[in-house]
Amino acid sequence: LQVKFFYLCQLAYWLHALPELYFQKVRKEEIPRQLRCIALYLVHIAGAYLLNLTRLGLILLLLQYLAEFFFHMARLVCFADENNEKLFNVWAVVFVVTRLFTLTLYILVIGFGLPRVENQVLNPERGNFFSFLFNNILFRMSVLLLVCLFQASVMWRFIHLQLRRWREYRHEQSSQKRAAAAATTKQQPKPLKRDSGYHENGVVKAENGTSPRTKKLKSP
């Protein structure tokens, strides 16, 4: 009953996120991304519930929500201090680890665990609605191929995001170095041009003691 209630709450939450897009007045360019995220959550949670893979779904949801927890915490810290991006690095490590665990669990459960289940027939009383389909090796390999392709696309987007962040960071560091170099050159004092000779009582005199000014010739 507790597991069923948890799945129903998850489905209700992601279903209520659909009208919430309208009430939150989400920008039009953000709506497709939000809809894609909501649809993926609904498909995976409903699939785990209908296929009687609730234990696998609980572990996968725990891993996914753990990665999202670090991501949102990193965003909150970044809003407070833009220069503090340490939690984003922690999130990157946790994200990669969760993807590897997710792929490993899918392969172990779908590829090796489900074919060994004793009850492979349709039995609604015991909750076997679609489990008998995994007895077919073609269907099982198709599911694993879809899972691998999906995880590969997620990792590709993640790597692309990290490379873009790294390029932006390098560009920002180089611009800061150029600005600092330009500021130091502006602050350097310019050398004063002095007249030849030396100063004595505020009057410039030549090296031989005579005044550097040219004398006027008297007319005869």
N, C-alpha and C. Protein backbone atom coordinates (compact mmCIF):
# COMPACT_ATOMS: atom_id res chain seq x y z
N LEU A 1 0.82 -1.21 0.00
CA LEU A 1 0.00 0.00 0.00
C LEU A 1 0.86 1.26 0.00
N GLN A 2 1.96 1.26 0.77
CA GLN A 2 2.82 2.44 0.79
C GLN A 2 3.50 2.69 -0.55
N VAL A 3 3.94 1.60 -1.19
CA VAL A 3 4.58 1.76 -2.51
C VAL A 3 3.57 2.24 -3.53
N LYS A 4 2.38 1.69 -3.49
CA LYS A 4 1.34 2.12 -4.42
C LYS A 4 0.98 3.58 -4.19
N PHE A 5 0.88 3.99 -2.94
CA PHE A 5 0.58 5.39 -2.63
C PHE A 5 1.70 6.31 -3.11
N PHE A 6 2.95 5.86 -2.97
CA PHE A 6 4.07 6.67 -3.44
C PHE A 6 4.00 6.87 -4.96
N TYR A 7 3.71 5.81 -5.70
CA TYR A 7 3.64 5.93 -7.16
C TYR A 7 2.47 6.80 -7.59
N LEU A 8 1.36 6.69 -6.89
CA LEU A 8 0.21 7.54 -7.22
C LEU A 8 0.52 9.00 -6.94
N CYS A 9 1.25 9.27 -5.87
CA CYS A 9 1.65 10.66 -5.57
C CYS A 9 2.61 11.19 -6.63
N GLN A 10 3.52 10.34 -7.09
CA GLN A 10 4.45 10.76 -8.14
C GLN A 10 3.71 11.07 -9.44
N LEU A 11 2.80 10.20 -9.81
CA LEU A 11 2.02 10.44 -11.03
C LEU A 11 1.17 11.70 -10.89
N ALA A 12 0.57 11.91 -9.72
CA ALA A 12 -0.23 13.11 -9.50
C ALA A 12 0.62 14.37 -9.57
N TYR A 13 1.83 14.29 -9.03
CA TYR A 13 2.70 15.48 -9.04
C TYR A 13 3.07 15.87 -10.47
N TRP A 14 3.47 14.90 -11.28
CA TRP A 14 3.90 15.23 -12.64
C TRP A 14 2.72 15.55 -13.53
N LEU A 15 1.53 15.03 -13.22
CA LEU A 15 0.34 15.44 -13.97
C LEU A 15 -0.07 16.87 -13.63
N HIS A 16 0.08 17.24 -12.36
CA HIS A 16 -0.30 18.60 -11.98
C HIS A 16 0.71 19.62 -12.51
N ALA A 17 1.92 19.14 -12.92
CA ALA A 17 2.90 20.07 -13.49
C ALA A 17 2.49 20.57 -14.86
N LEU A 18 1.58 19.87 -15.55
CA LEU A 18 1.12 20.31 -16.87
C LEU A 18 0.32 21.61 -16.80
N PRO A 19 -0.77 21.68 -16.01
CA PRO A 19 -1.46 22.98 -15.91
C PRO A 19 -0.66 24.04 -15.17
N GLU A 20 0.33 23.60 -14.40
CA GLU A 20 1.14 24.57 -13.67
C GLU A 20 1.98 25.42 -14.62
N LEU A 21 2.28 24.90 -15.80
CA LEU A 21 3.02 25.68 -16.79
C LEU A 21 2.24 26.93 -17.20
N TYR A 22 0.91 26.80 -17.26
CA TYR A 22 0.09 27.94 -17.63
C TYR A 22 0.00 28.95 -16.48
N PHE A 23 -0.19 28.45 -15.27
CA PHE A 23 -0.35 29.35 -14.13
C PHE A 23 0.97 30.05 -13.76
N GLN A 24 2.09 29.40 -14.01
CA GLN A 24 3.38 30.03 -13.74
C GLN A 24 3.82 30.96 -14.86
N LYS A 25 3.09 30.98 -15.95
CA LYS A 25 3.40 31.85 -17.09
C LYS A 25 4.83 31.61 -17.59
N VAL A 26 5.09 30.33 -17.90
CA VAL A 26 6.41 29.95 -18.40
C VAL A 26 6.59 30.51 -19.80
N ARG A 27 7.79 30.92 -20.12
CA ARG A 27 8.07 31.47 -21.44
C ARG A 27 7.84 30.42 -22.52
N LYS A 28 7.46 30.88 -23.71
CA LYS A 28 7.11 29.96 -24.78
C LYS A 28 8.29 29.10 -25.21
N GLU A 29 9.49 29.67 -25.21
CA GLU A 29 10.64 28.88 -25.62
C GLU A 29 11.01 27.82 -24.59
N GLU A 30 10.53 27.94 -23.34
CA GLU A 30 10.83 26.97 -22.30
C GLU A 30 9.78 25.86 -22.23
N ILE A 31 8.62 26.07 -22.84
CA ILE A 31 7.53 25.09 -22.73
C ILE A 31 7.89 23.74 -23.35
N PRO A 32 8.47 23.66 -24.57
CA PRO A 32 8.81 22.34 -25.11
C PRO A 32 9.76 21.53 -24.23
N ARG A 33 10.75 22.19 -23.65
CA ARG A 33 11.67 21.48 -22.78
C ARG A 33 10.97 20.97 -21.53
N GLN A 34 10.11 21.80 -20.94
CA GLN A 34 9.36 21.37 -19.75
C GLN A 34 8.41 20.22 -20.07
N LEU A 35 7.74 20.29 -21.21
CA LEU A 35 6.83 19.21 -21.59
C LEU A 35 7.58 17.91 -21.82
N ARG A 36 8.75 17.99 -22.43
CA ARG A 36 9.54 16.79 -22.67
C ARG A 36 9.98 16.17 -21.34
N CYS A 37 10.39 16.99 -20.39
CA CYS A 37 10.80 16.48 -19.09
C CYS A 37 9.63 15.83 -18.36
N ILE A 38 8.47 16.47 -18.37
CA ILE A 38 7.29 15.92 -17.69
C ILE A 38 6.86 14.61 -18.34
N ALA A 39 6.88 14.55 -19.67
CA ALA A 39 6.48 13.33 -20.38
C ALA A 39 7.42 12.16 -20.06
N LEU A 40 8.71 12.43 -19.97
CA LEU A 40 9.66 11.36 -19.65
C LEU A 40 9.43 10.82 -18.24
N TYR A 41 9.18 11.72 -17.30
CA TYR A 41 8.90 11.25 -15.93
C TYR A 41 7.61 10.42 -15.89
N LEU A 42 6.58 10.88 -16.56
CA LEU A 42 5.31 10.15 -16.55
C LEU A 42 5.46 8.78 -17.20
N VAL A 43 6.17 8.71 -18.31
CA VAL A 43 6.33 7.42 -19.00
C VAL A 43 7.11 6.44 -18.14
N HIS A 44 8.20 6.89 -17.51
CA HIS A 44 9.01 5.98 -16.72
C HIS A 44 8.29 5.55 -15.44
N ILE A 45 7.63 6.49 -14.76
CA ILE A 45 6.95 6.13 -13.51
C ILE A 45 5.76 5.23 -13.80
N ALA A 46 4.95 5.59 -14.81
CA ALA A 46 3.80 4.75 -15.16
C ALA A 46 4.24 3.39 -15.68
N GLY A 47 5.35 3.35 -16.44
CA GLY A 47 5.84 2.06 -16.93
C GLY A 47 6.30 1.16 -15.80
N ALA A 48 7.01 1.73 -14.82
CA ALA A 48 7.44 0.91 -13.68
C ALA A 48 6.25 0.42 -12.87
N TYR A 49 5.20 1.22 -12.79
CA TYR A 49 4.02 0.82 -12.01
C TYR A 49 3.21 -0.25 -12.73
N LEU A 50 3.01 -0.06 -14.04
CA LEU A 50 2.19 -1.01 -14.79
C LEU A 50 2.90 -2.33 -15.06
N LEU A 51 4.22 -2.28 -15.24
CA LEU A 51 4.98 -3.49 -15.50
C LEU A 51 5.38 -4.22 -14.23
N ASN A 52 4.90 -3.74 -13.10
CA ASN A 52 5.19 -4.37 -11.80
C ASN A 52 6.69 -4.37 -11.50
N LEU A 53 7.37 -3.28 -11.91
CA LEU A 53 8.79 -3.09 -11.62
C LEU A 53 8.95 -1.98 -10.59
N THR A 54 8.18 -2.08 -9.52
CA THR A 54 8.15 -0.99 -8.55
C THR A 54 9.46 -0.86 -7.78
N ARG A 55 10.11 -1.97 -7.48
CA ARG A 55 11.37 -1.89 -6.73
C ARG A 55 12.46 -1.25 -7.59
N LEU A 56 12.53 -1.67 -8.84
CA LEU A 56 13.50 -1.04 -9.75
C LEU A 56 13.19 0.44 -9.92
N GLY A 57 11.92 0.77 -10.03
CA GLY A 57 11.53 2.18 -10.17
C GLY A 57 11.89 3.01 -8.96
N LEU A 58 11.73 2.43 -7.76
CA LEU A 58 12.09 3.17 -6.54
C LEU A 58 13.58 3.50 -6.50
N ILE A 59 14.42 2.52 -6.87
CA ILE A 59 15.86 2.77 -6.85
C ILE A 59 16.25 3.81 -7.89
N LEU A 60 15.66 3.72 -9.09
CA LEU A 60 15.99 4.67 -10.15
C LEU A 60 15.50 6.08 -9.80
N LEU A 61 14.32 6.18 -9.19
CA LEU A 61 13.84 7.50 -8.78
C LEU A 61 14.72 8.09 -7.68
N LEU A 62 15.19 7.24 -6.78
CA LEU A 62 16.10 7.73 -5.73
C LEU A 62 17.38 8.29 -6.35
N LEU A 63 17.95 7.59 -7.32
CA LEU A 63 19.17 8.07 -7.96
C LEU A 63 18.92 9.37 -8.73
N GLN A 64 17.79 9.41 -9.45
CA GLN A 64 17.49 10.61 -10.23
C GLN A 64 17.23 11.82 -9.34
N TYR A 65 16.47 11.64 -8.29
CA TYR A 65 16.18 12.76 -7.39
C TYR A 65 17.42 13.18 -6.60
N LEU A 66 18.34 12.26 -6.36
CA LEU A 66 19.59 12.63 -5.70
C LEU A 66 20.42 13.57 -6.58
N ALA A 67 20.51 13.24 -7.86
CA ALA A 67 21.23 14.11 -8.79
C ALA A 67 20.55 15.47 -8.92
N GLU A 68 19.23 15.48 -8.98
CA GLU A 68 18.50 16.75 -9.08
C GLU A 68 18.63 17.58 -7.81
N PHE A 69 18.72 16.91 -6.66
CA PHE A 69 18.91 17.64 -5.40
C PHE A 69 20.21 18.44 -5.43
N PHE A 70 21.30 17.82 -5.85
CA PHE A 70 22.57 18.53 -5.93
C PHE A 70 22.52 19.64 -6.98
N PHE A 71 21.80 19.41 -8.06
CA PHE A 71 21.70 20.43 -9.11
C PHE A 71 20.97 21.68 -8.61
N HIS A 72 19.84 21.48 -7.93
CA HIS A 72 19.09 22.63 -7.42
C HIS A 72 19.82 23.32 -6.27
N MET A 73 20.52 22.57 -5.45
CA MET A 73 21.33 23.20 -4.40
C MET A 73 22.46 24.03 -5.00
N ALA A 74 23.07 23.53 -6.07
CA ALA A 74 24.12 24.30 -6.74
C ALA A 74 23.56 25.58 -7.35
N ARG A 75 22.35 25.52 -7.87
CA ARG A 75 21.73 26.73 -8.41
C ARG A 75 21.44 27.75 -7.32
N LEU A 76 20.97 27.29 -6.17
CA LEU A 76 20.70 28.21 -5.07
C LEU A 76 21.98 28.88 -4.58
N VAL A 77 23.05 28.10 -4.47
CA VAL A 77 24.33 28.68 -4.05
C VAL A 77 24.84 29.66 -5.09
N CYS A 78 24.64 29.34 -6.37
CA CYS A 78 25.09 30.24 -7.44
C CYS A 78 24.29 31.53 -7.45
N PHE A 79 23.01 31.47 -7.10
CA PHE A 79 22.21 32.70 -7.01
C PHE A 79 22.73 33.61 -5.90
N ALA A 80 23.20 33.00 -4.80
CA ALA A 80 23.74 33.79 -3.70
C ALA A 80 25.13 34.32 -4.01
N ASP A 81 25.95 33.50 -4.65
CA ASP A 81 27.32 33.90 -5.00
C ASP A 81 27.62 33.34 -6.38
N GLU A 82 27.72 34.22 -7.37
CA GLU A 82 27.91 33.78 -8.75
C GLU A 82 29.26 33.11 -8.97
N ASN A 83 30.24 33.46 -8.17
CA ASN A 83 31.58 32.89 -8.36
C ASN A 83 31.75 31.52 -7.71
N ASN A 84 30.79 31.10 -6.91
CA ASN A 84 30.89 29.81 -6.22
C ASN A 84 30.21 28.73 -7.08
N GLU A 85 31.02 27.91 -7.73
CA GLU A 85 30.51 26.84 -8.59
C GLU A 85 31.01 25.47 -8.15
N LYS A 86 31.37 25.33 -6.89
CA LYS A 86 31.89 24.05 -6.42
C LYS A 86 30.81 22.98 -6.43
N LEU A 87 29.58 23.36 -6.05
CA LEU A 87 28.51 22.37 -6.04
C LEU A 87 28.14 21.89 -7.43
N PHE A 88 28.37 22.71 -8.44
CA PHE A 88 28.14 22.26 -9.81
C PHE A 88 29.10 21.13 -10.18
N ASN A 89 30.32 21.21 -9.69
CA ASN A 89 31.28 20.12 -9.92
C ASN A 89 30.84 18.85 -9.20
N VAL A 90 30.32 19.01 -7.97
CA VAL A 90 29.80 17.85 -7.24
C VAL A 90 28.61 17.25 -7.98
N TRP A 91 27.74 18.12 -8.48
CA TRP A 91 26.58 17.63 -9.24
C TRP A 91 27.02 16.88 -10.50
N ALA A 92 28.07 17.35 -11.16
CA ALA A 92 28.55 16.69 -12.37
C ALA A 92 29.02 15.27 -12.05
N VAL A 93 29.74 15.11 -10.94
CA VAL A 93 30.22 13.78 -10.56
C VAL A 93 29.03 12.88 -10.19
N VAL A 94 28.09 13.39 -9.41
CA VAL A 94 26.93 12.60 -9.00
C VAL A 94 26.08 12.23 -10.22
N PHE A 95 25.96 13.14 -11.17
CA PHE A 95 25.16 12.86 -12.37
C PHE A 95 25.75 11.71 -13.16
N VAL A 96 27.06 11.73 -13.36
CA VAL A 96 27.71 10.65 -14.12
C VAL A 96 27.57 9.32 -13.39
N VAL A 97 27.75 9.33 -12.07
CA VAL A 97 27.65 8.09 -11.29
C VAL A 97 26.22 7.53 -11.34
N THR A 98 25.23 8.40 -11.23
CA THR A 98 23.83 7.93 -11.29
C THR A 98 23.49 7.36 -12.66
N ARG A 99 24.05 7.95 -13.73
CA ARG A 99 23.78 7.41 -15.07
C ARG A 99 24.39 6.01 -15.21
N LEU A 100 25.58 5.82 -14.68
CA LEU A 100 26.21 4.50 -14.75
C LEU A 100 25.43 3.47 -13.93
N PHE A 101 24.99 3.86 -12.73
CA PHE A 101 24.19 2.94 -11.91
C PHE A 101 22.86 2.62 -12.59
N THR A 102 22.25 3.62 -13.21
CA THR A 102 20.97 3.40 -13.89
C THR A 102 21.12 2.41 -15.02
N LEU A 103 22.12 2.61 -15.85
CA LEU A 103 22.34 1.69 -16.97
C LEU A 103 22.68 0.29 -16.49
N THR A 104 23.47 0.18 -15.42
CA THR A 104 23.82 -1.13 -14.89
C THR A 104 22.60 -1.85 -14.34
N LEU A 105 21.74 -1.13 -13.62
CA LEU A 105 20.54 -1.75 -13.06
C LEU A 105 19.58 -2.21 -14.16
N TYR A 106 19.43 -1.41 -15.20
CA TYR A 106 18.57 -1.81 -16.32
C TYR A 106 19.08 -3.11 -16.95
N ILE A 107 20.38 -3.19 -17.18
CA ILE A 107 20.93 -4.39 -17.82
C ILE A 107 20.78 -5.61 -16.92
N LEU A 108 21.03 -5.44 -15.61
CA LEU A 108 20.93 -6.58 -14.70
C LEU A 108 19.49 -7.06 -14.55
N VAL A 109 18.54 -6.12 -14.44
CA VAL A 109 17.15 -6.51 -14.19
C VAL A 109 16.48 -7.01 -15.46
N ILE A 110 16.56 -6.21 -16.53
CA ILE A 110 15.85 -6.58 -17.76
C ILE A 110 16.58 -7.68 -18.52
N GLY A 111 17.91 -7.59 -18.53
CA GLY A 111 18.65 -8.56 -19.32
C GLY A 111 18.84 -9.91 -18.63
N PHE A 112 19.00 -9.92 -17.30
CA PHE A 112 19.32 -11.16 -16.61
C PHE A 112 18.28 -11.55 -15.55
N GLY A 113 17.62 -10.58 -14.92
CA GLY A 113 16.70 -10.91 -13.83
C GLY A 113 15.33 -11.37 -14.28
N LEU A 114 14.70 -10.61 -15.18
CA LEU A 114 13.33 -10.94 -15.58
C LEU A 114 13.20 -12.27 -16.32
N PRO A 115 14.16 -12.69 -17.14
CA PRO A 115 14.00 -14.02 -17.77
C PRO A 115 13.97 -15.17 -16.78
N ARG A 116 14.45 -14.98 -15.55
CA ARG A 116 14.48 -16.05 -14.57
C ARG A 116 13.24 -16.07 -13.68
N VAL A 117 12.30 -15.17 -13.92
CA VAL A 117 11.07 -15.15 -13.11
C VAL A 117 10.26 -16.40 -13.42
N GLU A 118 9.76 -17.05 -12.37
CA GLU A 118 9.02 -18.30 -12.56
C GLU A 118 7.68 -18.07 -13.25
N ASN A 119 6.94 -17.06 -12.78
CA ASN A 119 5.60 -16.81 -13.34
C ASN A 119 5.73 -15.88 -14.53
N GLN A 120 5.75 -16.42 -15.76
CA GLN A 120 5.91 -15.64 -16.97
C GLN A 120 4.61 -15.52 -17.76
N VAL A 121 3.48 -15.81 -17.14
CA VAL A 121 2.20 -15.76 -17.84
C VAL A 121 1.41 -14.55 -17.35
N LEU A 122 0.39 -14.20 -18.11
CA LEU A 122 -0.48 -13.08 -17.75
C LEU A 122 -1.33 -13.47 -16.55
N ASN A 123 -1.13 -12.74 -15.45
CA ASN A 123 -1.84 -13.04 -14.22
C ASN A 123 -2.16 -11.73 -13.51
N PRO A 124 -3.32 -11.13 -13.78
CA PRO A 124 -3.66 -9.84 -13.15
C PRO A 124 -3.77 -9.91 -11.64
N GLU A 125 -4.14 -11.07 -11.09
CA GLU A 125 -4.28 -11.17 -9.65
C GLU A 125 -2.94 -11.00 -8.93
N ARG A 126 -1.87 -11.44 -9.54
CA ARG A 126 -0.54 -11.30 -8.94
C ARG A 126 0.21 -10.09 -9.48
N GLY A 127 -0.44 -9.30 -10.30
CA GLY A 127 0.19 -8.09 -10.82
C GLY A 127 1.03 -8.28 -12.05
N ASN A 128 0.94 -9.44 -12.71
CA ASN A 128 1.72 -9.69 -13.92
C ASN A 128 0.89 -9.29 -15.14
N PHE A 129 0.90 -8.01 -15.44
CA PHE A 129 0.14 -7.53 -16.59
C PHE A 129 0.96 -7.63 -17.88
N PHE A 130 2.20 -7.16 -17.81
CA PHE A 130 3.04 -7.15 -19.01
C PHE A 130 4.38 -7.84 -18.78
N SER A 131 4.57 -8.47 -17.64
CA SER A 131 5.87 -9.09 -17.36
C SER A 131 6.17 -10.25 -18.30
N PHE A 132 5.12 -10.89 -18.82
CA PHE A 132 5.35 -12.03 -19.71
C PHE A 132 6.01 -11.61 -21.02
N LEU A 133 5.93 -10.33 -21.36
CA LEU A 133 6.56 -9.86 -22.59
C LEU A 133 8.07 -9.96 -22.52
N PHE A 134 8.64 -9.83 -21.32
CA PHE A 134 10.09 -9.87 -21.19
C PHE A 134 10.65 -11.28 -21.36
N ASN A 135 9.78 -12.28 -21.49
CA ASN A 135 10.25 -13.62 -21.79
C ASN A 135 10.73 -13.72 -23.22
N ASN A 136 10.25 -12.81 -24.07
CA ASN A 136 10.68 -12.76 -25.47
C ASN A 136 12.01 -12.02 -25.55
N ILE A 137 13.03 -12.68 -26.08
CA ILE A 137 14.36 -12.07 -26.12
C ILE A 137 14.41 -10.87 -27.05
N LEU A 138 13.60 -10.90 -28.11
CA LEU A 138 13.59 -9.77 -29.03
C LEU A 138 13.03 -8.52 -28.35
N PHE A 139 11.93 -8.69 -27.60
CA PHE A 139 11.37 -7.55 -26.87
C PHE A 139 12.32 -7.05 -25.80
N ARG A 140 12.99 -7.98 -25.13
CA ARG A 140 13.92 -7.60 -24.06
C ARG A 140 15.12 -6.82 -24.62
N MET A 141 15.66 -7.28 -25.75
CA MET A 141 16.79 -6.58 -26.36
C MET A 141 16.36 -5.22 -26.90
N SER A 142 15.13 -5.12 -27.39
CA SER A 142 14.63 -3.83 -27.89
C SER A 142 14.53 -2.81 -26.75
N VAL A 143 14.03 -3.27 -25.60
CA VAL A 143 13.94 -2.38 -24.44
C VAL A 143 15.32 -1.94 -23.98
N LEU A 144 16.26 -2.88 -23.94
CA LEU A 144 17.62 -2.52 -23.53
C LEU A 144 18.27 -1.56 -24.52
N LEU A 145 18.00 -1.75 -25.82
CA LEU A 145 18.55 -0.83 -26.81
C LEU A 145 17.98 0.57 -26.64
N LEU A 146 16.68 0.67 -26.39
CA LEU A 146 16.08 1.99 -26.15
C LEU A 146 16.65 2.65 -24.91
N VAL A 147 16.84 1.85 -23.86
CA VAL A 147 17.41 2.40 -22.62
C VAL A 147 18.83 2.92 -22.87
N CYS A 148 19.63 2.14 -23.57
CA CYS A 148 21.02 2.55 -23.84
C CYS A 148 21.06 3.81 -24.71
N LEU A 149 20.19 3.88 -25.71
CA LEU A 149 20.15 5.08 -26.55
C LEU A 149 19.72 6.30 -25.77
N PHE A 150 18.75 6.12 -24.89
CA PHE A 150 18.28 7.25 -24.08
C PHE A 150 19.38 7.74 -23.13
N GLN A 151 20.05 6.82 -22.47
CA GLN A 151 21.14 7.21 -21.56
C GLN A 151 22.30 7.84 -22.33
N ALA A 152 22.56 7.35 -23.53
CA ALA A 152 23.62 7.95 -24.34
C ALA A 152 23.27 9.37 -24.76
N SER A 153 22.00 9.61 -25.10
CA SER A 153 21.59 10.97 -25.45
C SER A 153 21.67 11.91 -24.25
N VAL A 154 21.32 11.41 -23.07
CA VAL A 154 21.43 12.23 -21.86
C VAL A 154 22.88 12.58 -21.56
N MET A 155 23.78 11.59 -21.70
CA MET A 155 25.19 11.85 -21.45
C MET A 155 25.77 12.79 -22.50
N TRP A 156 25.31 12.69 -23.74
CA TRP A 156 25.80 13.59 -24.78
C TRP A 156 25.41 15.03 -24.47
N ARG A 157 24.16 15.24 -24.04
CA ARG A 157 23.73 16.59 -23.66
C ARG A 157 24.54 17.09 -22.47
N PHE A 158 24.81 16.21 -21.53
CA PHE A 158 25.58 16.60 -20.35
C PHE A 158 27.00 17.00 -20.74
N ILE A 159 27.65 16.20 -21.59
CA ILE A 159 29.02 16.52 -22.02
C ILE A 159 29.03 17.82 -22.81
N HIS A 160 28.03 18.03 -23.65
CA HIS A 160 27.95 19.29 -24.42
C HIS A 160 27.79 20.48 -23.48
N LEU A 161 26.98 20.32 -22.43
CA LEU A 161 26.80 21.40 -21.46
C LEU A 161 28.10 21.70 -20.72
N GLN A 162 28.83 20.65 -20.32
CA GLN A 162 30.08 20.86 -19.59
C GLN A 162 31.14 21.51 -20.47
N LEU A 163 31.18 21.12 -21.75
CA LEU A 163 32.14 21.75 -22.66
C LEU A 163 31.81 23.22 -22.88
N ARG A 164 30.52 23.53 -22.97
CA ARG A 164 30.14 24.94 -23.14
C ARG A 164 30.48 25.75 -21.89
N ARG A 165 30.25 25.18 -20.71
CA ARG A 165 30.64 25.87 -19.48
C ARG A 165 32.15 26.08 -19.41
N TRP A 166 32.91 25.06 -19.85
CA TRP A 166 34.36 25.19 -19.81
C TRP A 166 34.85 26.26 -20.77
N ARG A 167 34.26 26.35 -21.95
CA ARG A 167 34.63 27.40 -22.91
C ARG A 167 34.28 28.78 -22.37
N GLU A 168 33.10 28.91 -21.77
CA GLU A 168 32.72 30.19 -21.19
C GLU A 168 33.65 30.59 -20.05
N TYR A 169 34.04 29.61 -19.25
CA TYR A 169 34.97 29.90 -18.14
C TYR A 169 36.32 30.34 -18.67
N ARG A 170 36.85 29.66 -19.69
CA ARG A 170 38.13 30.04 -20.28
C ARG A 170 38.06 31.43 -20.90
N HIS A 171 36.94 31.72 -21.59
CA HIS A 171 36.79 33.03 -22.20
C HIS A 171 36.71 34.12 -21.13
N GLU A 172 36.01 33.84 -20.03
CA GLU A 172 35.91 34.82 -18.96
C GLU A 172 37.26 35.05 -18.29
N GLN A 173 38.03 33.98 -18.08
CA GLN A 173 39.35 34.13 -17.47
C GLN A 173 40.29 34.92 -18.36
N SER A 174 40.26 34.66 -19.68
CA SER A 174 41.13 35.40 -20.59
C SER A 174 40.75 36.87 -20.67
N SER A 175 39.43 37.15 -20.65
CA SER A 175 38.99 38.55 -20.68
C SER A 175 39.39 39.27 -19.40
N GLN A 176 39.31 38.58 -18.26
CA GLN A 176 39.74 39.20 -17.01
C GLN A 176 41.24 39.47 -17.00
N LYS A 177 42.03 38.56 -17.56
CA LYS A 177 43.47 38.79 -17.63
C LYS A 177 43.79 39.97 -18.53
N ARG A 178 43.09 40.08 -19.67
CA ARG A 178 43.33 41.21 -20.56
C ARG A 178 42.94 42.52 -19.90
N ALA A 179 41.82 42.52 -19.18
CA ALA A 179 41.40 43.74 -18.49
C ALA A 179 42.39 44.13 -17.40
N ALA A 180 42.91 43.12 -16.67
CA ALA A 180 43.89 43.43 -15.62
C ALA A 180 45.19 43.97 -16.23
N ALA A 181 45.61 43.39 -17.36
CA ALA A 181 46.83 43.87 -18.01
C ALA A 181 46.65 45.29 -18.53
N ALA A 182 45.46 45.59 -19.09
CA ALA A 182 45.21 46.95 -19.57
C ALA A 182 45.16 47.94 -18.41
N ALA A 183 44.61 47.53 -17.26
CA ALA A 183 44.55 48.43 -16.10
C ALA A 183 45.94 48.72 -15.55
N THR A 184 46.81 47.72 -15.53
CA THR A 184 48.17 47.95 -15.02
C THR A 184 48.97 48.86 -15.94
N THR A 185 48.77 48.71 -17.24
CA THR A 185 49.49 49.61 -18.17
C THR A 185 49.00 51.04 -18.05
N LYS A 186 47.72 51.22 -17.77
CA LYS A 186 47.21 52.58 -17.60
C LYS A 186 47.71 53.21 -16.30
N GLN A 187 47.91 52.41 -15.28
CA GLN A 187 48.33 52.94 -13.99
C GLN A 187 49.83 53.24 -13.93
N GLN A 188 50.62 52.74 -14.87
CA GLN A 188 52.05 53.01 -14.84
C GLN A 188 52.32 54.48 -15.14
N PRO A 189 53.15 55.19 -14.31
CA PRO A 189 53.42 56.61 -14.56
C PRO A 189 54.28 56.80 -15.80
N LYS A 190 53.93 57.81 -16.57
CA LYS A 190 54.70 58.11 -17.77
C LYS A 190 55.98 58.84 -17.39
N PRO A 191 57.12 58.55 -18.02
CA PRO A 191 58.39 59.24 -17.71
C PRO A 191 58.34 60.70 -18.16
N LEU A 192 58.76 61.59 -17.24
CA LEU A 192 58.75 63.03 -17.56
C LEU A 192 59.97 63.40 -18.38
N LYS A 193 59.74 64.20 -19.38
CA LYS A 193 60.83 64.67 -20.23
C LYS A 193 61.49 65.88 -19.57
N ARG A 194 62.75 65.76 -19.32
CA ARG A 194 63.48 66.87 -18.70
C ARG A 194 64.39 67.52 -19.73
N ASP A 195 64.60 68.80 -19.50
CA ASP A 195 65.54 69.51 -20.37
C ASP A 195 66.95 69.10 -20.03
N SER A 196 67.79 69.23 -21.00
CA SER A 196 69.20 68.89 -20.77
C SER A 196 69.80 69.86 -19.77
N GLY A 197 70.70 69.41 -18.96
CA GLY A 197 71.32 70.23 -17.95
C GLY A 197 70.82 69.89 -16.58
N TYR A 198 70.96 70.83 -15.64
CA TYR A 198 70.51 70.59 -14.29
C TYR A 198 69.79 71.84 -13.81
N HIS A 199 69.02 71.67 -12.72
CA HIS A 199 68.23 72.75 -12.16
C HIS A 199 68.97 73.34 -10.97
N GLU A 200 68.97 74.61 -10.95
CA GLU A 200 69.56 75.32 -9.82
C GLU A 200 68.71 76.53 -9.53
N ASN A 201 68.12 76.55 -8.32
CA ASN A 201 67.20 77.63 -7.92
C ASN A 201 66.05 77.81 -8.91
N GLY A 202 65.57 76.67 -9.44
CA GLY A 202 64.43 76.74 -10.34
C GLY A 202 64.79 77.12 -11.75
N VAL A 203 66.09 77.31 -12.05
CA VAL A 203 66.52 77.73 -13.38
C VAL A 203 67.30 76.59 -14.00
N VAL A 204 66.94 76.23 -15.23
CA VAL A 204 67.63 75.16 -15.92
C VAL A 204 68.94 75.71 -16.46
N LYS A 205 70.03 75.05 -16.15
CA LYS A 205 71.33 75.45 -16.63
C LYS A 205 71.98 74.31 -17.37
N ALA A 206 72.83 74.65 -18.29
CA ALA A 206 73.50 73.62 -19.08
C ALA A 206 74.56 72.96 -18.24
N GLU A 207 75.16 71.93 -18.82
CA GLU A 207 76.15 71.18 -18.07
C GLU A 207 77.41 72.00 -17.79
N ASN A 208 77.76 72.94 -18.66
CA ASN A 208 78.95 73.74 -18.44
C ASN A 208 78.70 74.97 -17.60
N GLY A 209 77.49 75.04 -17.02
CA GLY A 209 77.18 76.16 -16.14
C GLY A 209 76.52 77.32 -16.84
N THR A 210 76.47 77.32 -18.13
CA THR A 210 75.83 78.41 -18.86
C THR A 210 74.36 78.12 -19.04
N SER A 211 73.60 79.12 -19.30
CA SER A 211 72.17 78.96 -19.50
C SER A 211 71.91 78.33 -20.85
N PRO A 212 70.96 77.42 -20.93
CA PRO A 212 70.68 76.79 -22.21
C PRO A 212 69.98 77.67 -23.21
N ARG A 213 69.50 78.83 -22.75
CA ARG A 213 68.79 79.72 -23.67
C ARG A 213 69.79 80.36 -24.62
N THR A 214 69.35 80.58 -25.79
CA THR A 214 70.19 81.21 -26.82
C THR A 214 70.27 82.71 -26.55
N LYS A 215 71.45 83.25 -26.65
CA LYS A 215 71.63 84.67 -26.42
C LYS A 215 71.32 85.46 -27.67
N LYS A 216 70.76 86.64 -27.43
CA LYS A 216 70.46 87.53 -28.55
C LYS A 216 71.70 88.31 -28.92
N LEU A 217 71.93 88.30 -30.18
CA LEU A 217 73.10 89.07 -30.66
C LEU A 217 72.78 90.55 -30.74
N LYS A 218 73.67 91.36 -30.17
CA LYS A 218 73.45 92.80 -30.22
C LYS A 218 73.85 93.31 -31.60
N SER A 219 73.08 94.23 -32.04
CA SER A 219 73.39 94.84 -33.36
C SER A 219 74.58 95.76 -33.22
N PRO A 220 75.46 95.80 -34.17
CA PRO A 220 76.63 96.68 -34.05
C PRO A 220 76.26 98.15 -34.07
